[in-house]
Amino acid sequence: MRFPNTCLCGVLVFATSVAGFAQAKKAKTPARAAKPAHVIIAPGAVKWVVPPAGMITGTPSVEAGGPLQYAVLEGDPTKVGRPYTIELGCSDGYKVAPHWHPGDENLIVFRGTFALGAGDTYDPAALRDMGVGSYGFMLRRMHHFGSCKGETRMLVYGTGPFQINFLSPSGGAQKKPAAK
C-alpha cells in the first residue's frame, strides 16, 4: 500500500515541529548552577576556620584545654533543613563541656579516641571511649559531653543548623549574652 505524498509530508512536518518545539522549550529553560557530582578533599587540603558567629552559645562549664578545630567539608551547617558535613579536631586532653544541639548529631571518629558521655554535668566516669571507626549518634537536644584522647579527628554530619549550646554549670540552658 502506498501513502499519498501529502500524508507523508504531513507526518514529516509533524515530527520536525515536535522536535523543534522540544529544542525551543529546552533553550528557554534557564541553566542551573552546576553542583559537583562528587567532592574529594585530601587530608592536607582541609581548611580549618573559626566557627561562624552564633554557632556556639553559652559558656562552657569546664576548661577545654586547647582550641577546637572546625572545617566545613560539604553543605552549610548554619542553614535550617540543609545537610552538612564538618570535621572537628582536638588535641589530647581537650574537654567538651556539657551541651546540646538543635538537630540530631552523627559522629564518626577517624583519628585518635573520642570519649563521649551523656548528662548535664561533666563526669569523667560516665565517658565511653570511641576509637577509630566508631560511630556515635545523639538525638537532638540530648545533653552530652566529651573528651579527646590523643590527637583526635571526627566527622560530624546531619541536617542544619549545627549549633553547640553549652549548659550552665547547674545543667540548665544558659541565656545568650546581651548584645553590646
C-alpha atoms as a PDB file:
ATOM      1  CA  MET A   1       0.000   0.000   0.000  1.00  0.00           C
ATOM      2  CA  ARG A   2       1.307   3.425  -0.949  1.00  0.00           C
ATOM      3  CA  PHE A   3       0.834   6.551   1.112  1.00  0.00           C
ATOM      4  CA  PRO A   4      -0.073   9.661  -0.719  1.00  0.00           C
ATOM      5  CA  ASN A   5       2.663  12.292  -0.764  1.00  0.00           C
ATOM      6  CA  THR A   6       0.504  14.686   1.227  1.00  0.00           C
ATOM      7  CA  CYS A   7       0.195  12.183   4.061  1.00  0.00           C
ATOM      8  CA  LEU A   8       3.962  11.587   4.121  1.00  0.00           C
ATOM      9  CA  CYS A   9       4.608  15.340   4.090  1.00  0.00           C
ATOM     10  CA  GLY A  10       2.177  15.795   6.986  1.00  0.00           C
ATOM     11  CA  VAL A  11       3.974  13.158   9.077  1.00  0.00           C
ATOM     12  CA  LEU A  12       7.381  14.773   8.389  1.00  0.00           C
ATOM     13  CA  VAL A  13       6.111  18.269   9.246  1.00  0.00           C
ATOM     14  CA  PHE A  14       4.589  16.961  12.490  1.00  0.00           C
ATOM     15  CA  ALA A  15       7.766  15.090  13.516  1.00  0.00           C
ATOM     16  CA  THR A  16      10.080  18.025  12.829  1.00  0.00           C
ATOM     17  CA  SER A  17       7.817  20.514  14.567  1.00  0.00           C
ATOM     18  CA  VAL A  18       7.636  18.322  17.725  1.00  0.00           C
ATOM     19  CA  ALA A  19      11.442  18.038  17.755  1.00  0.00           C
ATOM     20  CA  GLY A  20      11.770  21.776  17.145  1.00  0.00           C
ATOM     21  CA  PHE A  21       9.300  22.560  19.953  1.00  0.00           C
ATOM     22  CA  ALA A  22      11.242  20.357  22.372  1.00  0.00           C
ATOM     23  CA  GLN A  23      14.505  22.118  21.451  1.00  0.00           C
ATOM     24  CA  ALA A  24      12.905  25.555  21.820  1.00  0.00           C
ATOM     25  CA  LYS A  25      11.485  24.654  25.236  1.00  0.00           C
ATOM     26  CA  LYS A  26      14.879  23.328  26.351  1.00  0.00           C
ATOM     27  CA  ALA A  27      16.579  26.539  25.212  1.00  0.00           C
ATOM     28  CA  LYS A  28      14.128  28.717  27.195  1.00  0.00           C
ATOM     29  CA  THR A  29      14.788  26.869  30.482  1.00  0.00           C
ATOM     30  CA  PRO A  30      17.416  28.834  32.446  1.00  0.00           C
ATOM     31  CA  ALA A  31      20.587  26.904  33.156  1.00  0.00           C
ATOM     32  CA  ARG A  32      21.068  25.916  36.802  1.00  0.00           C
ATOM     33  CA  ALA A  33      24.383  26.330  38.517  1.00  0.00           C
ATOM     34  CA  ALA A  34      26.209  23.038  38.190  1.00  0.00           C
ATOM     35  CA  LYS A  35      26.618  21.253  41.523  1.00  0.00           C
ATOM     36  CA  PRO A  36      29.629  18.986  41.649  1.00  0.00           C
ATOM     37  CA  ALA A  37      28.747  15.329  41.216  1.00  0.00           C
ATOM     38  CA  HIS A  38      31.193  14.432  43.954  1.00  0.00           C
ATOM     39  CA  VAL A  39      33.555  16.100  46.415  1.00  0.00           C
ATOM     40  CA  ILE A  40      37.047  14.896  47.247  1.00  0.00           C
ATOM     41  CA  ILE A  41      39.120  16.625  49.910  1.00  0.00           C
ATOM     42  CA  ALA A  42      42.568  15.231  50.702  1.00  0.00           C
ATOM     43  CA  PRO A  43      43.599  15.356  54.387  1.00  0.00           C
ATOM     44  CA  GLY A  44      46.130  18.115  53.730  1.00  0.00           C
ATOM     45  CA  ALA A  45      43.548  20.233  51.909  1.00  0.00           C
ATOM     46  CA  VAL A  46      41.094  20.579  54.837  1.00  0.00           C
ATOM     47  CA  LYS A  47      40.568  24.290  55.503  1.00  0.00           C
ATOM     48  CA  TRP A  48      40.308  24.921  59.243  1.00  0.00           C
ATOM     49  CA  VAL A  49      38.304  28.039  60.071  1.00  0.00           C
ATOM     50  CA  VAL A  50      36.773  29.747  63.076  1.00  0.00           C
ATOM     51  CA  PRO A  51      33.171  28.581  63.617  1.00  0.00           C
ATOM     52  CA  PRO A  52      30.708  31.246  62.421  1.00  0.00           C
ATOM     53  CA  ALA A  53      29.214  33.702  64.904  1.00  0.00           C
ATOM     54  CA  GLY A  54      26.202  32.255  66.682  1.00  0.00           C
ATOM     55  CA  MET A  55      27.221  28.633  66.189  1.00  0.00           C
ATOM     56  CA  ILE A  56      28.387  28.369  69.802  1.00  0.00           C
ATOM     57  CA  THR A  57      26.186  29.768  72.572  1.00  0.00           C
ATOM     58  CA  GLY A  58      26.726  29.917  76.313  1.00  0.00           C
ATOM     59  CA  THR A  59      29.881  29.489  78.349  1.00  0.00           C
ATOM     60  CA  PRO A  60      31.483  26.073  78.790  1.00  0.00           C
ATOM     61  CA  SER A  61      31.293  24.784  82.369  1.00  0.00           C
ATOM     62  CA  VAL A  62      34.739  23.152  82.117  1.00  0.00           C
ATOM     63  CA  GLU A  63      38.014  24.476  80.732  1.00  0.00           C
ATOM     64  CA  ALA A  64      38.552  22.955  77.273  1.00  0.00           C
ATOM     65  CA  GLY A  65      42.324  22.860  77.478  1.00  0.00           C
ATOM     66  CA  GLY A  66      43.009  23.994  73.932  1.00  0.00           C
ATOM     67  CA  PRO A  67      41.362  25.034  70.693  1.00  0.00           C
ATOM     68  CA  LEU A  68      38.714  23.079  68.816  1.00  0.00           C
ATOM     69  CA  GLN A  69      39.440  22.808  65.105  1.00  0.00           C
ATOM     70  CA  TYR A  70      36.485  23.208  62.728  1.00  0.00           C
ATOM     71  CA  ALA A  71      36.190  22.712  58.960  1.00  0.00           C
ATOM     72  CA  VAL A  72      33.188  22.594  56.628  1.00  0.00           C
ATOM     73  CA  LEU A  73      33.591  19.715  54.185  1.00  0.00           C
ATOM     74  CA  GLU A  74      30.205  19.925  52.445  1.00  0.00           C
ATOM     75  CA  GLY A  75      26.946  21.813  52.739  1.00  0.00           C
ATOM     76  CA  ASP A  76      26.130  24.681  55.086  1.00  0.00           C
ATOM     77  CA  PRO A  77      25.796  23.802  58.775  1.00  0.00           C
ATOM     78  CA  THR A  78      24.204  27.191  59.526  1.00  0.00           C
ATOM     79  CA  LYS A  79      21.156  26.662  57.282  1.00  0.00           C
ATOM     80  CA  VAL A  80      17.944  25.189  58.663  1.00  0.00           C
ATOM     81  CA  GLY A  81      16.999  21.921  56.969  1.00  0.00           C
ATOM     82  CA  ARG A  82      20.173  21.705  54.869  1.00  0.00           C
ATOM     83  CA  PRO A  83      22.544  18.721  55.085  1.00  0.00           C
ATOM     84  CA  TYR A  84      26.108  19.362  56.193  1.00  0.00           C
ATOM     85  CA  THR A  85      29.354  17.507  56.838  1.00  0.00           C
ATOM     86  CA  ILE A  86      32.009  19.041  59.074  1.00  0.00           C
ATOM     87  CA  GLU A  87      35.296  17.897  60.548  1.00  0.00           C
ATOM     88  CA  LEU A  88      36.220  18.600  64.152  1.00  0.00           C
ATOM     89  CA  GLY A  89      39.679  18.187  65.608  1.00  0.00           C
ATOM     90  CA  CYS A  90      41.112  18.429  69.093  1.00  0.00           C
ATOM     91  CA  SER A  91      44.319  17.679  70.933  1.00  0.00           C
ATOM     92  CA  ASP A  92      44.953  15.194  73.728  1.00  0.00           C
ATOM     93  CA  GLY A  93      43.076  16.116  76.899  1.00  0.00           C
ATOM     94  CA  TYR A  94      40.635  18.510  75.220  1.00  0.00           C
ATOM     95  CA  LYS A  95      37.308  18.581  77.101  1.00  0.00           C
ATOM     96  CA  VAL A  96      33.910  19.306  75.585  1.00  0.00           C
ATOM     97  CA  ALA A  97      31.620  20.763  78.249  1.00  0.00           C
ATOM     98  CA  PRO A  98      28.009  19.549  78.534  1.00  0.00           C
ATOM     99  CA  HIS A  99      25.942  20.883  75.652  1.00  0.00           C
ATOM    100  CA  TRP A 100      23.134  20.053  73.225  1.00  0.00           C
ATOM    101  CA  HIS A 101      22.355  20.537  69.530  1.00  0.00           C
ATOM    102  CA  PRO A 102      19.041  21.561  67.889  1.00  0.00           C
ATOM    103  CA  GLY A 103      19.313  18.652  65.426  1.00  0.00           C
ATOM    104  CA  ASP A 104      20.421  15.024  65.555  1.00  0.00           C
ATOM    105  CA  GLU A 105      24.204  14.601  65.537  1.00  0.00           C
ATOM    106  CA  ASN A 106      26.083  11.815  63.748  1.00  0.00           C
ATOM    107  CA  LEU A 107      29.736  11.358  64.675  1.00  0.00           C
ATOM    108  CA  ILE A 108      32.471   9.122  63.235  1.00  0.00           C
ATOM    109  CA  VAL A 109      35.978   9.038  64.749  1.00  0.00           C
ATOM    110  CA  PHE A 110      38.733   8.605  62.180  1.00  0.00           C
ATOM    111  CA  ARG A 111      41.822   9.539  64.234  1.00  0.00           C
ATOM    112  CA  GLY A 112      42.519   9.181  67.930  1.00  0.00           C
ATOM    113  CA  THR A 113      39.858   8.430  70.524  1.00  0.00           C
ATOM    114  CA  PHE A 114      36.828  10.490  71.450  1.00  0.00           C
ATOM    115  CA  ALA A 115      35.234   9.705  74.799  1.00  0.00           C
ATOM    116  CA  LEU A 116      31.525  10.535  74.934  1.00  0.00           C
ATOM    117  CA  GLY A 117      29.188  10.789  77.892  1.00  0.00           C
ATOM    118  CA  ALA A 118      25.577  11.806  78.458  1.00  0.00           C
ATOM    119  CA  GLY A 119      24.283  14.095  81.176  1.00  0.00           C
ATOM    120  CA  ASP A 120      24.067  17.644  82.469  1.00  0.00           C
ATOM    121  CA  THR A 121      27.474  17.810  84.190  1.00  0.00           C
ATOM    122  CA  TYR A 122      30.933  16.775  83.043  1.00  0.00           C
ATOM    123  CA  ASP A 123      31.612  13.385  84.648  1.00  0.00           C
ATOM    124  CA  PRO A 124      34.809  11.568  83.566  1.00  0.00           C
ATOM    125  CA  ALA A 125      33.416   8.281  84.977  1.00  0.00           C
ATOM    126  CA  ALA A 126      30.494   8.465  82.509  1.00  0.00           C
ATOM    127  CA  LEU A 127      32.720   8.736  79.409  1.00  0.00           C
ATOM    128  CA  ARG A 128      32.786   5.843  76.920  1.00  0.00           C
ATOM    129  CA  ASP A 129      35.698   5.578  74.503  1.00  0.00           C
ATOM    130  CA  MET A 130      35.046   5.719  70.763  1.00  0.00           C
ATOM    131  CA  GLY A 131      38.134   4.553  68.880  1.00  0.00           C
ATOM    132  CA  VAL A 132      38.927   4.901  65.191  1.00  0.00           C
ATOM    133  CA  GLY A 133      35.972   3.768  63.086  1.00  0.00           C
ATOM    134  CA  SER A 134      33.444   4.215  65.901  1.00  0.00           C
ATOM    135  CA  TYR A 135      30.071   5.798  65.217  1.00  0.00           C
ATOM    136  CA  GLY A 136      28.017   7.820  67.685  1.00  0.00           C
ATOM    137  CA  PHE A 137      24.525   9.260  67.442  1.00  0.00           C
ATOM    138  CA  MET A 138      22.968  11.851  69.731  1.00  0.00           C
ATOM    139  CA  LEU A 139      19.316  12.782  69.435  1.00  0.00           C
ATOM    140  CA  ARG A 140      18.556  16.464  69.098  1.00  0.00           C
ATOM    141  CA  ARG A 141      18.564  18.274  72.450  1.00  0.00           C
ATOM    142  CA  MET A 142      20.334  15.346  74.189  1.00  0.00           C
ATOM    143  CA  HIS A 143      22.732  16.691  76.832  1.00  0.00           C
ATOM    144  CA  HIS A 144      26.205  15.247  76.311  1.00  0.00           C
ATOM    145  CA  PHE A 145      29.925  15.985  76.789  1.00  0.00           C
ATOM    146  CA  GLY A 146      33.233  14.554  75.681  1.00  0.00           C
ATOM    147  CA  SER A 147      36.998  14.367  75.787  1.00  0.00           C
ATOM    148  CA  CYS A 148      39.767  13.761  73.261  1.00  0.00           C
ATOM    149  CA  LYS A 149      42.472  11.178  73.862  1.00  0.00           C
ATOM    150  CA  GLY A 150      45.424  11.760  71.593  1.00  0.00           C
ATOM    151  CA  GLU A 151      45.225  13.953  68.503  1.00  0.00           C
ATOM    152  CA  THR A 152      41.597  13.321  67.507  1.00  0.00           C
ATOM    153  CA  ARG A 153      39.637  13.948  64.299  1.00  0.00           C
ATOM    154  CA  MET A 154      35.905  13.401  63.884  1.00  0.00           C
ATOM    155  CA  LEU A 155      33.452  13.620  61.037  1.00  0.00           C
ATOM    156  CA  VAL A 156      30.126  15.162  62.090  1.00  0.00           C
ATOM    157  CA  TYR A 157      27.115  15.243  59.798  1.00  0.00           C
ATOM    158  CA  GLY A 158      23.417  15.906  59.937  1.00  0.00           C
ATOM    159  CA  THR A 159      20.770  18.404  58.948  1.00  0.00           C
ATOM    160  CA  GLY A 160      21.267  22.029  59.937  1.00  0.00           C
ATOM    161  CA  PRO A 161      21.535  24.064  61.810  1.00  0.00           C
ATOM    162  CA  PHE A 162      24.545  22.704  63.662  1.00  0.00           C
ATOM    163  CA  GLN A 163      24.847  24.661  66.873  1.00  0.00           C
ATOM    164  CA  ILE A 164      26.609  23.980  70.176  1.00  0.00           C
ATOM    165  CA  ASN A 165      24.516  25.174  73.123  1.00  0.00           C
ATOM    166  CA  PHE A 166      26.502  24.914  76.359  1.00  0.00           C
ATOM    167  CA  LEU A 167      24.637  24.144  79.570  1.00  0.00           C
ATOM    168  CA  SER A 168      25.121  26.249  82.681  1.00  0.00           C
ATOM    169  CA  PRO A 169      27.173  24.668  85.488  1.00  0.00           C
ATOM    170  CA  SER A 170      23.849  23.625  87.091  1.00  0.00           C
ATOM    171  CA  GLY A 171      22.877  21.710  83.943  1.00  0.00           C
ATOM    172  CA  GLY A 172      20.271  24.115  82.571  1.00  0.00           C
ATOM    173  CA  ALA A 173      20.268  26.128  79.384  1.00  0.00           C
ATOM    174  CA  GLN A 174      22.181  29.383  79.503  1.00  0.00           C
ATOM    175  CA  LYS A 175      20.845  32.711  78.406  1.00  0.00           C
ATOM    176  CA  LYS A 176      22.567  34.206  75.410  1.00  0.00           C
ATOM    177  CA  PRO A 177      24.749  37.172  76.345  1.00  0.00           C
ATOM    178  CA  ALA A 178      23.079  40.538  75.829  1.00  0.00           C
ATOM    179  CA  ALA A 179      24.045  42.329  72.604  1.00  0.00           C
ATOM    180  CA  LYS A 180      26.542  45.114  73.136  1.00  0.00           C
END
